[in-house]
Amino acid sequence: MASMGLSIDEQKAVERFRKDVVEPSQTSLIILDFWAEWCGPCKALTPVLEKVAAEYADKGVVLAKINVDEEQFIAAQFQVRSIPTVYAMFQGQPVADLTSARSESQLKAMLDQLLAQLPVQPGTAGDSAAPQGPSPEEIAQFVKLGEEALAAADPQRAASIFAQITEFAPDNAPAHAGLVRALVQLGEVDDARQVMAVIDSDPRLAADPAMGPAKSALELAGTKVEDSELAALRAAAIAAPDDQAAQLAFAEAAFAAGARDEAADTLLAMITADREWNEGAARAKLLKIFEATGLEDEWVVSVRRRLSRVLFG
């Protein structure tokens, strides 16, 4: 939460949140409870949250409470529309919505699942000692979370997760590659290029197979054009449906602009019309899009099925 452009009261609210939630969340899993004095369901839920947090304290779980009347700015940042609203926070980011857990057993089940996936440092709540770094297994789980965020079309969360991994595991190639892909999806291409420059400076990172999708993502992002030029390319493609070069130029620009459905539709139409044009350029471009986006991405899975029907149907 940046403080630039905020009022004095809002800056103070942000600082309180950093101290009470963000900083402890660097090593602990925070149960973040949005509540109010007038809220009956909140008062019924509070004993459950307090009891479970106390029982899980030695596992690195901490309860933090936000009074929505006193901290309206923070509640607004989290888009809290009803209370109680309960989130799990780790390393400054919400990692789960716990609002549906109204019983001890439900809350414990959700916490157990999160603790199995996140590199939470047990027993560090309130401990001023420097935390030990996560194990390779924990890092792998964290990378998996980042990939899941990308597959769920949440590049902001993915970028945050991957950036954190690169801080405590600077030799982790999948995290660096994931950060590049997430930044590209966010439209922060210059930042993605800076990360790739760091990767290229380390021969071991640069040679890792995980960099293939990241490089493809950057290559595809390089075809982004201004809105007016994209409109002109679209018009040219519509006006000349048999002009494969015009179709390819539009597909490249459309994908770089985030119009990936238009890009896929155009490339699939090209393959249907003439799959061998320019040594299979349309299919090659579509495969590169698959690689850059992630083969497990639901959109990619759907388009791959369409491609299979065109090629083998």
Protein backbone atom coordinates (compact mmCIF):
# COMPACT_ATOMS: atom_id res chain seq x y z
CA MET A 1 0.00 0.00 0.00
CA ALA A 2 1.77 3.12 -1.19
CA SER A 3 1.47 6.34 0.82
CA MET A 4 2.06 8.71 -2.13
CA GLY A 5 -0.83 11.10 -2.64
CA LEU A 6 -2.59 10.14 0.60
CA SER A 7 -3.84 12.45 3.32
CA ILE A 8 -2.08 12.57 6.70
CA ASP A 9 -4.79 10.39 8.29
CA GLU A 10 -4.59 7.88 5.45
CA GLN A 11 -0.80 7.74 5.72
CA LYS A 12 -1.11 7.07 9.45
CA ALA A 13 -3.61 4.30 8.73
CA VAL A 14 -1.22 2.73 6.24
CA GLU A 15 1.65 2.89 8.74
CA ARG A 16 -0.49 1.24 11.44
CA PHE A 17 -1.44 -1.48 9.00
CA ARG A 18 2.21 -2.03 8.03
CA LYS A 19 3.23 -2.32 11.67
CA ASP A 20 0.33 -4.47 12.84
CA VAL A 21 -0.21 -6.67 9.79
CA VAL A 22 2.32 -6.39 6.96
CA GLU A 23 5.49 -6.65 9.04
CA PRO A 24 4.31 -9.61 11.17
CA SER A 25 3.04 -11.30 8.00
CA GLN A 26 6.59 -11.57 6.64
CA THR A 27 7.08 -14.68 8.78
CA SER A 28 3.63 -15.38 10.23
CA LEU A 29 0.23 -16.22 8.79
CA ILE A 30 -2.11 -13.41 9.81
CA ILE A 31 -5.83 -13.95 10.37
CA LEU A 32 -7.14 -10.50 9.42
CA ASP A 33 -10.59 -9.87 10.90
CA PHE A 34 -12.66 -6.89 9.72
CA TRP A 35 -15.30 -6.14 12.35
CA ALA A 36 -17.32 -3.41 14.12
CA GLU A 37 -18.79 -2.88 17.57
CA TRP A 38 -22.35 -2.89 16.24
CA CYS A 39 -21.92 -6.14 14.30
CA GLY A 40 -23.62 -9.09 16.06
CA PRO A 41 -22.14 -11.83 13.83
CA CYS A 42 -18.69 -10.30 14.41
CA LYS A 43 -19.07 -10.70 18.17
CA ALA A 44 -20.16 -14.31 17.70
CA LEU A 45 -17.15 -15.06 15.49
CA THR A 46 -14.54 -13.32 17.67
CA PRO A 47 -14.25 -16.09 20.32
CA VAL A 48 -13.74 -18.67 17.56
CA LEU A 49 -10.98 -16.64 15.91
CA GLU A 50 -9.26 -15.90 19.22
CA LYS A 51 -9.37 -19.55 20.39
CA VAL A 52 -8.03 -20.97 17.11
CA ALA A 53 -5.34 -18.26 16.81
CA ALA A 54 -4.15 -19.05 20.35
CA GLU A 55 -4.01 -22.78 19.59
CA TYR A 56 -2.10 -22.16 16.34
CA ALA A 57 0.28 -19.51 17.73
CA ASP A 58 3.17 -21.97 17.89
CA LYS A 59 2.59 -22.70 14.20
CA GLY A 60 3.13 -19.05 13.27
CA VAL A 61 -0.50 -17.86 13.21
CA VAL A 62 -1.44 -14.40 14.53
CA LEU A 63 -4.85 -12.71 14.80
CA ALA A 64 -5.13 -9.05 13.74
CA LYS A 65 -8.39 -7.12 14.01
CA ILE A 66 -9.46 -4.12 11.90
CA ASN A 67 -12.37 -2.02 13.17
CA VAL A 68 -14.00 -0.87 9.93
CA ASP A 69 -15.42 2.26 11.60
CA GLU A 70 -11.99 3.37 12.82
CA GLU A 71 -10.01 2.18 9.80
CA GLN A 72 -12.32 3.02 6.92
CA PHE A 73 -9.43 3.64 4.51
CA ILE A 74 -7.91 0.19 5.10
CA ALA A 75 -11.32 -1.48 4.79
CA ALA A 76 -11.84 0.35 1.50
CA GLN A 77 -8.50 -0.89 0.16
CA PHE A 78 -9.67 -4.46 0.78
CA GLN A 79 -13.07 -3.67 -0.75
CA VAL A 80 -14.85 -4.85 2.39
CA ARG A 81 -18.59 -4.66 1.67
CA SER A 82 -19.95 -6.67 4.59
CA ILE A 83 -18.72 -7.86 7.97
CA PRO A 84 -17.40 -9.99 9.36
CA THR A 85 -14.87 -10.37 6.56
CA VAL A 86 -11.81 -12.48 7.35
CA TYR A 87 -8.68 -12.89 5.23
CA ALA A 88 -5.47 -14.85 5.63
CA MET A 89 -2.42 -12.64 4.98
CA PHE A 90 1.13 -13.75 4.28
CA GLN A 91 4.09 -11.59 3.33
CA GLY A 92 1.87 -8.57 2.82
CA GLN A 93 -0.63 -10.25 0.51
CA PRO A 94 -4.06 -11.83 1.06
CA VAL A 95 -3.70 -15.55 0.33
CA ALA A 96 -7.18 -16.82 1.24
CA ASP A 97 -10.66 -15.65 2.15
CA LEU A 98 -11.58 -17.22 5.50
CA THR A 99 -14.96 -15.52 5.85
CA SER A 100 -16.90 -18.72 5.22
CA ALA A 101 -15.17 -20.48 8.15
CA ARG A 102 -17.56 -19.89 11.06
CA SER A 103 -16.67 -22.92 13.21
CA GLU A 104 -13.42 -24.05 14.81
CA SER A 105 -13.21 -27.13 12.62
CA GLN A 106 -13.75 -25.14 9.40
CA LEU A 107 -11.17 -22.51 10.34
CA LYS A 108 -8.61 -25.09 11.40
CA ALA A 109 -9.06 -27.03 8.17
CA MET A 110 -8.42 -23.91 6.09
CA LEU A 111 -5.41 -22.90 8.20
CA ASP A 112 -3.93 -26.39 7.97
CA GLN A 113 -4.17 -26.25 4.19
CA LEU A 114 -2.49 -22.83 4.06
CA LEU A 115 0.27 -23.79 6.50
CA ALA A 116 1.08 -26.82 4.35
CA GLN A 117 1.61 -24.57 1.33
CA LEU A 118 3.24 -21.42 2.70
CA PRO A 119 6.75 -20.99 4.18
CA VAL A 120 5.38 -19.74 7.51
CA GLN A 121 7.99 -19.71 10.25
CA PRO A 122 6.53 -21.63 13.25
CA GLY A 123 6.99 -19.92 16.58
CA THR A 124 8.13 -16.58 15.09
CA ALA A 125 5.08 -14.57 16.10
CA GLY A 126 6.49 -11.77 18.21
CA ASP A 127 10.00 -13.20 17.93
CA SER A 128 12.57 -10.55 17.11
CA ALA A 129 15.19 -13.08 16.07
CA ALA A 130 16.00 -13.16 12.38
CA PRO A 131 13.92 -15.87 10.70
CA GLN A 132 15.55 -18.80 8.94
CA GLY A 133 15.01 -19.01 5.23
CA PRO A 134 12.40 -21.40 3.86
CA SER A 135 13.40 -24.89 2.83
CA PRO A 136 13.64 -25.93 -0.85
CA GLU A 137 10.35 -27.80 -0.43
CA GLU A 138 8.66 -24.68 0.94
CA ILE A 139 10.06 -22.58 -1.89
CA ALA A 140 8.69 -25.09 -4.41
CA GLN A 141 5.25 -24.78 -2.80
CA PHE A 142 5.49 -21.01 -2.98
CA VAL A 143 6.43 -21.17 -6.68
CA LYS A 144 3.38 -23.36 -7.20
CA LEU A 145 1.20 -20.70 -5.57
CA GLY A 146 2.61 -18.11 -7.96
CA GLU A 147 1.90 -20.30 -10.97
CA GLU A 148 -1.63 -20.91 -9.73
CA ALA A 149 -2.13 -17.15 -9.43
CA LEU A 150 -0.97 -16.71 -13.03
CA ALA A 151 -3.28 -19.50 -14.22
CA ALA A 152 -6.14 -17.81 -12.35
CA ALA A 153 -5.47 -14.54 -14.24
CA ASP A 154 -4.17 -12.77 -11.11
CA PRO A 155 -0.79 -11.45 -12.28
CA GLN A 156 -0.62 -8.84 -9.48
CA ARG A 157 -0.61 -11.51 -6.80
CA ALA A 158 1.68 -13.72 -8.87
CA ALA A 159 4.22 -10.92 -9.28
CA SER A 160 4.21 -10.28 -5.53
CA ILE A 161 4.74 -13.97 -4.75
CA PHE A 162 7.53 -14.44 -7.31
CA ALA A 163 9.27 -11.21 -6.26
CA GLN A 164 9.32 -12.37 -2.65
CA ILE A 165 10.78 -15.73 -3.65
CA THR A 166 13.59 -14.06 -5.61
CA GLU A 167 14.51 -12.09 -2.48
CA PHE A 168 15.08 -15.10 -0.23
CA ALA A 169 16.03 -17.51 -3.05
CA PRO A 170 17.93 -15.43 -5.65
CA ASP A 171 19.07 -18.58 -7.45
CA ASN A 172 15.54 -19.86 -8.07
CA ALA A 173 15.04 -19.81 -11.84
CA PRO A 174 11.28 -20.61 -11.92
CA ALA A 175 10.61 -17.65 -9.62
CA HIS A 176 12.58 -15.24 -11.83
CA ALA A 177 10.86 -16.59 -14.94
CA GLY A 178 7.45 -16.35 -13.29
CA LEU A 179 8.14 -12.76 -12.25
CA VAL A 180 8.93 -11.83 -15.87
CA ARG A 181 5.71 -13.43 -17.11
CA ALA A 182 3.62 -11.79 -14.38
CA LEU A 183 5.08 -8.35 -15.09
CA VAL A 184 4.40 -8.77 -18.80
CA GLN A 185 0.78 -9.69 -18.07
CA LEU A 186 0.52 -6.56 -15.90
CA GLY A 187 1.78 -4.46 -18.80
CA GLU A 188 4.98 -3.56 -16.92
CA VAL A 189 7.21 -4.62 -19.78
CA ASP A 190 10.14 -2.34 -18.91
CA ASP A 191 10.27 -3.86 -15.41
CA ALA A 192 10.11 -7.33 -16.96
CA ARG A 193 13.07 -6.46 -19.19
CA GLN A 194 15.03 -5.32 -16.14
CA VAL A 195 14.39 -8.66 -14.44
CA MET A 196 15.46 -10.45 -17.61
CA ALA A 197 18.67 -8.40 -17.65
CA VAL A 198 19.42 -9.69 -14.15
CA ILE A 199 18.70 -13.22 -15.35
CA ASP A 200 20.96 -12.83 -18.39
CA SER A 201 23.81 -11.69 -16.13
CA ASP A 202 23.75 -15.07 -14.38
CA PRO A 203 24.68 -17.86 -16.85
CA ARG A 204 23.09 -20.52 -14.66
CA LEU A 205 19.76 -18.71 -14.47
CA ALA A 206 19.86 -17.77 -18.16
CA ALA A 207 20.39 -21.40 -19.22
CA ASP A 208 17.50 -22.76 -17.16
CA PRO A 209 14.63 -24.22 -19.25
CA ALA A 210 12.17 -22.14 -17.20
CA MET A 211 13.37 -19.06 -19.09
CA GLY A 212 11.81 -20.23 -22.37
CA PRO A 213 8.27 -19.09 -21.51
CA ALA A 214 9.58 -15.87 -19.98
CA LYS A 215 11.52 -14.98 -23.12
CA SER A 216 8.50 -15.84 -25.26
CA ALA A 217 6.33 -13.54 -23.12
CA LEU A 218 8.79 -10.68 -23.56
CA GLU A 219 9.07 -11.31 -27.30
CA LEU A 220 5.29 -11.23 -27.70
CA ALA A 221 5.02 -8.08 -25.58
CA GLY A 222 7.43 -6.38 -27.96
CA THR A 223 4.72 -6.31 -30.65
CA LYS A 224 2.46 -4.02 -28.61
CA VAL A 225 1.31 -0.92 -30.51
CA GLU A 226 -0.72 2.20 -29.80
CA ASP A 227 -4.52 1.85 -29.75
CA SER A 228 -4.83 3.74 -33.02
CA GLU A 229 -2.38 1.42 -34.77
CA LEU A 230 -4.11 -1.63 -33.33
CA ALA A 231 -7.40 -0.35 -34.74
CA ALA A 232 -5.76 0.15 -38.13
CA LEU A 233 -4.32 -3.37 -38.09
CA ARG A 234 -7.74 -4.76 -37.14
CA ALA A 235 -9.38 -2.85 -39.97
CA ALA A 236 -6.76 -4.08 -42.44
CA ALA A 237 -7.27 -7.68 -41.34
CA ILE A 238 -11.05 -7.40 -41.70
CA ALA A 239 -10.75 -5.76 -45.11
CA ALA A 240 -8.42 -8.46 -46.46
CA PRO A 241 -9.32 -11.82 -44.87
CA ASP A 242 -7.15 -13.69 -47.39
CA ASP A 243 -4.05 -11.59 -46.62
CA GLN A 244 -2.20 -13.86 -44.19
CA ALA A 245 0.48 -11.28 -43.44
CA ALA A 246 -2.18 -8.75 -42.40
CA GLN A 247 -3.88 -11.38 -40.24
CA LEU A 248 -0.61 -12.28 -38.49
CA ALA A 249 0.31 -8.65 -37.86
CA PHE A 250 -3.07 -8.04 -36.25
CA ALA A 251 -2.92 -11.25 -34.17
CA GLU A 252 0.50 -10.32 -32.78
CA ALA A 253 -0.61 -6.80 -31.86
CA ALA A 254 -3.92 -8.01 -30.43
CA PHE A 255 -2.26 -10.49 -28.07
CA ALA A 256 0.28 -7.90 -26.90
CA ALA A 257 -2.63 -5.53 -26.18
CA GLY A 258 -4.39 -8.15 -24.05
CA ALA A 259 -7.01 -9.10 -26.66
CA ARG A 260 -5.96 -12.72 -26.59
CA ASP A 261 -9.33 -14.10 -27.77
CA GLU A 262 -9.10 -12.01 -30.95
CA ALA A 263 -5.50 -13.13 -31.41
CA ALA A 264 -6.39 -16.79 -31.02
CA ASP A 265 -9.44 -16.55 -33.29
CA THR A 266 -7.33 -14.90 -35.99
CA LEU A 267 -4.49 -17.42 -35.78
CA LEU A 268 -6.86 -20.39 -35.78
CA ALA A 269 -8.60 -18.97 -38.85
CA MET A 270 -5.21 -18.62 -40.55
CA ILE A 271 -4.31 -22.24 -39.76
CA THR A 272 -7.70 -23.40 -41.06
CA ALA A 273 -7.20 -21.48 -44.30
CA ASP A 274 -3.57 -22.43 -44.93
CA ARG A 275 -1.64 -24.16 -42.16
CA GLU A 276 1.57 -24.23 -44.22
CA TRP A 277 1.68 -20.48 -44.97
CA ASN A 278 5.11 -19.01 -44.25
CA GLU A 279 6.39 -22.34 -42.89
CA GLY A 280 3.52 -22.66 -40.44
CA ALA A 281 3.98 -19.19 -38.96
CA ALA A 282 0.45 -19.00 -37.52
CA ARG A 283 0.76 -22.30 -35.65
CA ALA A 284 4.24 -21.37 -34.43
CA LYS A 285 2.93 -18.06 -33.11
CA LEU A 286 0.04 -19.76 -31.35
CA LEU A 287 2.39 -22.28 -29.71
CA LYS A 288 4.59 -19.41 -28.54
CA ILE A 289 1.51 -17.76 -27.00
CA PHE A 290 0.72 -21.02 -25.21
CA GLU A 291 4.26 -21.20 -23.85
CA ALA A 292 4.27 -17.58 -22.68
CA THR A 293 0.88 -17.82 -21.00
CA GLY A 294 1.42 -21.21 -19.37
CA LEU A 295 0.28 -24.62 -20.57
CA GLU A 296 -1.89 -25.12 -17.46
CA ASP A 297 -3.77 -21.86 -17.99
CA GLU A 298 -7.48 -22.56 -18.56
CA TRP A 299 -7.59 -20.26 -21.57
CA VAL A 300 -4.62 -22.06 -23.12
CA VAL A 301 -6.23 -25.46 -22.49
CA SER A 302 -9.40 -24.28 -24.24
CA VAL A 303 -7.56 -22.86 -27.26
CA ARG A 304 -5.37 -25.97 -27.53
CA ARG A 305 -8.53 -28.05 -27.86
CA ARG A 306 -9.68 -25.78 -30.68
CA LEU A 307 -6.28 -26.10 -32.35
CA SER A 308 -6.48 -29.90 -32.12
CA ARG A 309 -9.88 -29.88 -33.80
CA VAL A 310 -8.50 -27.72 -36.63
CA LEU A 311 -5.44 -29.94 -37.12
CA PHE A 312 -6.95 -33.38 -36.53
CA GLY A 313 -10.72 -32.96 -36.52
